[in-house]
Amino acid sequence: TVKLTVVSGTLEKDDAYPIFITGVRGYDNSYSEIVAYRTVIDLKENVPPNVKSVTLTDTTTIVITFDDYIKGNPSFNVFQNSATVNLSTSNPYYISGDTITIYLSSSILNPTSVTVIPRADCSIEDENGNKSTLGPGTVLSVTE
């Protein structure tokens, strides 16, 4: 058995890729080298979704836009000048296409120094299952 490993983030699109396998021998040279093998295999895109923008779209709504369609379990803390901004108590998040909408329970009148930080249980991935690199150490700055 030959196991093909593809480095994460190297395939930018789903496509058929040519492969060439050569030089495979049995354990401790117990078998002679196999005949070179060429084929084409279908591989899935493996680039994680990345944040393109984080925008305050109105006084109680923040939209995070990714470079790919996403799914998952959004979970974020929102801060303004290091003070916690409370999220809506019912349905604080909504995923649609390439965006996550965060609903706040109170208004942000001045969007200066607003940041969004993923919680440990935040899990976002694209449609191929490539996990976003968002983590608890990520700080997303909000723009207008």
C-alpha atoms as a PDB file:
ATOM      1  CA  THR A   1       0.000   0.000   0.000  1.00  0.00           C
ATOM      2  CA  VAL A   2       1.263   3.454  -0.910  1.00  0.00           C
ATOM      3  CA  LYS A   3      -0.118   6.346   1.137  1.00  0.00           C
ATOM      4  CA  LEU A   4      -0.212   9.736  -0.571  1.00  0.00           C
ATOM      5  CA  THR A   5      -0.086  12.711   1.779  1.00  0.00           C
ATOM      6  CA  VAL A   6      -0.875  16.215   0.554  1.00  0.00           C
ATOM      7  CA  VAL A   7       0.324  19.210   2.545  1.00  0.00           C
ATOM      8  CA  SER A   8      -2.579  21.273   3.902  1.00  0.00           C
ATOM      9  CA  GLY A   9      -3.223  24.497   1.988  1.00  0.00           C
ATOM     10  CA  THR A  10      -1.541  23.380  -1.254  1.00  0.00           C
ATOM     11  CA  LEU A  11      -4.541  22.438  -3.414  1.00  0.00           C
ATOM     12  CA  GLU A  12      -6.484  25.558  -4.364  1.00  0.00           C
ATOM     13  CA  LYS A  13      -9.237  23.786  -6.315  1.00  0.00           C
ATOM     14  CA  ASP A  14     -10.908  20.413  -6.725  1.00  0.00           C
ATOM     15  CA  ASP A  15      -9.271  18.820  -9.755  1.00  0.00           C
ATOM     16  CA  ALA A  16      -7.702  15.747 -11.304  1.00  0.00           C
ATOM     17  CA  TYR A  17      -3.965  15.647 -10.557  1.00  0.00           C
ATOM     18  CA  PRO A  18      -1.349  13.414 -12.194  1.00  0.00           C
ATOM     19  CA  ILE A  19       0.816  11.306  -9.863  1.00  0.00           C
ATOM     20  CA  PHE A  20       3.918   9.239 -10.514  1.00  0.00           C
ATOM     21  CA  ILE A  21       5.004   6.523  -8.080  1.00  0.00           C
ATOM     22  CA  THR A  22       8.401   4.890  -8.346  1.00  0.00           C
ATOM     23  CA  GLY A  23      11.102   3.387  -6.163  1.00  0.00           C
ATOM     24  CA  VAL A  24       8.796   1.405  -3.857  1.00  0.00           C
ATOM     25  CA  ARG A  25      10.370  -1.821  -2.535  1.00  0.00           C
ATOM     26  CA  GLY A  26       9.316  -4.508  -0.086  1.00  0.00           C
ATOM     27  CA  TYR A  27      10.270  -4.309   3.573  1.00  0.00           C
ATOM     28  CA  ASP A  28      14.056  -4.612   3.983  1.00  0.00           C
ATOM     29  CA  ASN A  29      14.342  -5.069   0.175  1.00  0.00           C
ATOM     30  CA  SER A  30      12.376  -8.336   0.396  1.00  0.00           C
ATOM     31  CA  TYR A  31      10.809  -7.570  -2.993  1.00  0.00           C
ATOM     32  CA  SER A  32      12.281  -5.854  -5.988  1.00  0.00           C
ATOM     33  CA  GLU A  33      11.275  -2.305  -6.869  1.00  0.00           C
ATOM     34  CA  ILE A  34       7.771  -1.993  -8.332  1.00  0.00           C
ATOM     35  CA  VAL A  35       7.221  -0.932 -11.897  1.00  0.00           C
ATOM     36  CA  ALA A  36       6.764   2.838 -12.150  1.00  0.00           C
ATOM     37  CA  TYR A  37       3.088   3.734 -11.869  1.00  0.00           C
ATOM     38  CA  ARG A  38       1.374   6.767 -13.408  1.00  0.00           C
ATOM     39  CA  THR A  39      -2.238   7.760 -12.976  1.00  0.00           C
ATOM     40  CA  VAL A  40      -4.539  10.711 -12.445  1.00  0.00           C
ATOM     41  CA  ILE A  41      -6.432  11.043  -9.159  1.00  0.00           C
ATOM     42  CA  ASP A  42      -9.212  13.382  -8.088  1.00  0.00           C
ATOM     43  CA  LEU A  43      -8.217  15.544  -5.140  1.00  0.00           C
ATOM     44  CA  LYS A  44     -10.253  18.052  -3.153  1.00  0.00           C
ATOM     45  CA  GLU A  45      -9.212  21.638  -2.477  1.00  0.00           C
ATOM     46  CA  ASN A  46      -7.514  21.764   0.938  1.00  0.00           C
ATOM     47  CA  VAL A  47      -7.037  25.473   1.694  1.00  0.00           C
ATOM     48  CA  PRO A  48      -8.614  26.589   4.995  1.00  0.00           C
ATOM     49  CA  PRO A  49     -11.150  29.431   4.850  1.00  0.00           C
ATOM     50  CA  ASN A  50      -9.605  32.788   5.764  1.00  0.00           C
ATOM     51  CA  VAL A  51     -11.235  35.945   7.103  1.00  0.00           C
ATOM     52  CA  LYS A  52     -11.495  38.706   4.478  1.00  0.00           C
ATOM     53  CA  SER A  53     -13.194  41.354   6.591  1.00  0.00           C
ATOM     54  CA  VAL A  54     -14.930  42.049   9.906  1.00  0.00           C
ATOM     55  CA  THR A  55     -17.471  44.848   9.614  1.00  0.00           C
ATOM     56  CA  LEU A  56     -19.929  46.634  11.892  1.00  0.00           C
ATOM     57  CA  THR A  57     -22.905  46.775   9.516  1.00  0.00           C
ATOM     58  CA  ASP A  58     -25.194  48.574  11.960  1.00  0.00           C
ATOM     59  CA  THR A  59     -25.014  49.379  15.678  1.00  0.00           C
ATOM     60  CA  THR A  60     -25.925  45.833  16.788  1.00  0.00           C
ATOM     61  CA  THR A  61     -24.551  43.648  13.967  1.00  0.00           C
ATOM     62  CA  ILE A  62     -21.038  42.496  13.092  1.00  0.00           C
ATOM     63  CA  VAL A  63     -20.406  40.513   9.895  1.00  0.00           C
ATOM     64  CA  ILE A  64     -17.321  38.333   9.427  1.00  0.00           C
ATOM     65  CA  THR A  65     -16.707  37.566   5.738  1.00  0.00           C
ATOM     66  CA  PHE A  66     -14.532  34.637   4.621  1.00  0.00           C
ATOM     67  CA  ASP A  67     -12.934  33.840   1.272  1.00  0.00           C
ATOM     68  CA  ASP A  68     -14.982  30.618   0.961  1.00  0.00           C
ATOM     69  CA  TYR A  69     -18.399  29.263   1.890  1.00  0.00           C
ATOM     70  CA  ILE A  70     -18.369  28.099   5.492  1.00  0.00           C
ATOM     71  CA  LYS A  71     -20.228  25.994   8.046  1.00  0.00           C
ATOM     72  CA  GLY A  72     -19.692  25.070  11.659  1.00  0.00           C
ATOM     73  CA  ASN A  73     -20.135  26.285  15.210  1.00  0.00           C
ATOM     74  CA  PRO A  74     -19.379  30.001  15.561  1.00  0.00           C
ATOM     75  CA  SER A  75     -18.511  31.168  19.061  1.00  0.00           C
ATOM     76  CA  PHE A  76     -16.956  34.573  19.728  1.00  0.00           C
ATOM     77  CA  ASN A  77     -16.323  37.192  22.384  1.00  0.00           C
ATOM     78  CA  VAL A  78     -16.728  40.827  21.362  1.00  0.00           C
ATOM     79  CA  PHE A  79     -14.883  43.644  23.097  1.00  0.00           C
ATOM     80  CA  GLN A  80     -14.783  47.423  22.876  1.00  0.00           C
ATOM     81  CA  ASN A  81     -11.797  49.047  24.571  1.00  0.00           C
ATOM     82  CA  SER A  82     -11.255  45.760  26.487  1.00  0.00           C
ATOM     83  CA  ALA A  83     -14.829  45.791  27.867  1.00  0.00           C
ATOM     84  CA  THR A  84     -17.070  42.856  26.972  1.00  0.00           C
ATOM     85  CA  VAL A  85     -19.917  43.582  24.573  1.00  0.00           C
ATOM     86  CA  ASN A  86     -22.830  41.247  25.269  1.00  0.00           C
ATOM     87  CA  LEU A  87     -24.240  39.117  22.468  1.00  0.00           C
ATOM     88  CA  SER A  88     -27.914  38.613  21.781  1.00  0.00           C
ATOM     89  CA  THR A  89     -29.326  35.999  24.154  1.00  0.00           C
ATOM     90  CA  SER A  90     -31.323  34.287  21.403  1.00  0.00           C
ATOM     91  CA  ASN A  91     -29.494  33.202  18.270  1.00  0.00           C
ATOM     92  CA  PRO A  92     -26.372  35.386  18.545  1.00  0.00           C
ATOM     93  CA  TYR A  93     -24.863  33.879  15.351  1.00  0.00           C
ATOM     94  CA  TYR A  94     -26.029  33.218  11.821  1.00  0.00           C
ATOM     95  CA  ILE A  95     -23.999  31.558   9.055  1.00  0.00           C
ATOM     96  CA  SER A  96     -24.947  32.164   5.426  1.00  0.00           C
ATOM     97  CA  GLY A  97     -22.664  31.426   2.485  1.00  0.00           C
ATOM     98  CA  ASP A  98     -19.313  33.016   3.256  1.00  0.00           C
ATOM     99  CA  THR A  99     -20.430  35.096   6.262  1.00  0.00           C
ATOM    100  CA  ILE A 100     -21.029  34.825   9.989  1.00  0.00           C
ATOM    101  CA  THR A 101     -23.332  37.465  11.433  1.00  0.00           C
ATOM    102  CA  ILE A 102     -22.935  38.258  15.132  1.00  0.00           C
ATOM    103  CA  TYR A 103     -25.932  39.898  16.818  1.00  0.00           C
ATOM    104  CA  LEU A 104     -25.234  42.137  19.823  1.00  0.00           C
ATOM    105  CA  SER A 105     -27.631  42.806  22.692  1.00  0.00           C
ATOM    106  CA  SER A 106     -26.689  46.480  22.905  1.00  0.00           C
ATOM    107  CA  SER A 107     -25.606  49.110  20.433  1.00  0.00           C
ATOM    108  CA  ILE A 108     -22.062  50.083  19.576  1.00  0.00           C
ATOM    109  CA  LEU A 109     -22.322  53.773  18.824  1.00  0.00           C
ATOM    110  CA  ASN A 110     -18.614  54.361  18.201  1.00  0.00           C
ATOM    111  CA  PRO A 111     -16.939  51.429  16.409  1.00  0.00           C
ATOM    112  CA  THR A 112     -13.448  52.436  17.534  1.00  0.00           C
ATOM    113  CA  SER A 113     -11.430  49.663  19.214  1.00  0.00           C
ATOM    114  CA  VAL A 114     -13.977  46.885  18.655  1.00  0.00           C
ATOM    115  CA  THR A 115     -12.450  43.410  18.447  1.00  0.00           C
ATOM    116  CA  VAL A 116     -13.823  39.908  17.947  1.00  0.00           C
ATOM    117  CA  ILE A 117     -11.997  36.934  19.476  1.00  0.00           C
ATOM    118  CA  PRO A 118     -12.941  33.299  18.792  1.00  0.00           C
ATOM    119  CA  ARG A 119     -13.715  31.187  21.862  1.00  0.00           C
ATOM    120  CA  ALA A 120     -12.131  27.776  22.364  1.00  0.00           C
ATOM    121  CA  ASP A 121     -15.304  26.032  21.112  1.00  0.00           C
ATOM    122  CA  CYS A 122     -15.406  28.042  17.855  1.00  0.00           C
ATOM    123  CA  SER A 123     -15.209  25.635  14.927  1.00  0.00           C
ATOM    124  CA  ILE A 124     -15.497  26.922  11.356  1.00  0.00           C
ATOM    125  CA  GLU A 125     -14.710  24.979   8.188  1.00  0.00           C
ATOM    126  CA  ASP A 126     -15.348  25.200   4.479  1.00  0.00           C
ATOM    127  CA  GLU A 127     -17.546  22.831   2.473  1.00  0.00           C
ATOM    128  CA  ASN A 128     -14.615  20.411   1.972  1.00  0.00           C
ATOM    129  CA  GLY A 129     -14.019  20.181   5.722  1.00  0.00           C
ATOM    130  CA  ASN A 130     -10.896  22.379   5.796  1.00  0.00           C
ATOM    131  CA  LYS A 131     -10.806  23.926   9.254  1.00  0.00           C
ATOM    132  CA  SER A 132     -10.366  27.668   9.635  1.00  0.00           C
ATOM    133  CA  THR A 133      -7.234  28.820  11.434  1.00  0.00           C
ATOM    134  CA  LEU A 134      -9.341  30.938  13.812  1.00  0.00           C
ATOM    135  CA  GLY A 135      -8.468  30.176  17.404  1.00  0.00           C
ATOM    136  CA  PRO A 136      -8.616  31.737  20.873  1.00  0.00           C
ATOM    137  CA  GLY A 137      -5.418  33.713  20.168  1.00  0.00           C
ATOM    138  CA  THR A 138      -6.848  35.313  17.007  1.00  0.00           C
ATOM    139  CA  VAL A 139      -7.888  38.953  17.337  1.00  0.00           C
ATOM    140  CA  LEU A 140     -10.128  40.337  14.599  1.00  0.00           C
ATOM    141  CA  SER A 141     -10.401  44.122  14.374  1.00  0.00           C
ATOM    142  CA  VAL A 142     -13.789  45.493  13.360  1.00  0.00           C
ATOM    143  CA  THR A 143     -14.116  48.190  10.716  1.00  0.00           C
ATOM    144  CA  GLU A 144     -17.101  50.280   9.656  1.00  0.00           C
END
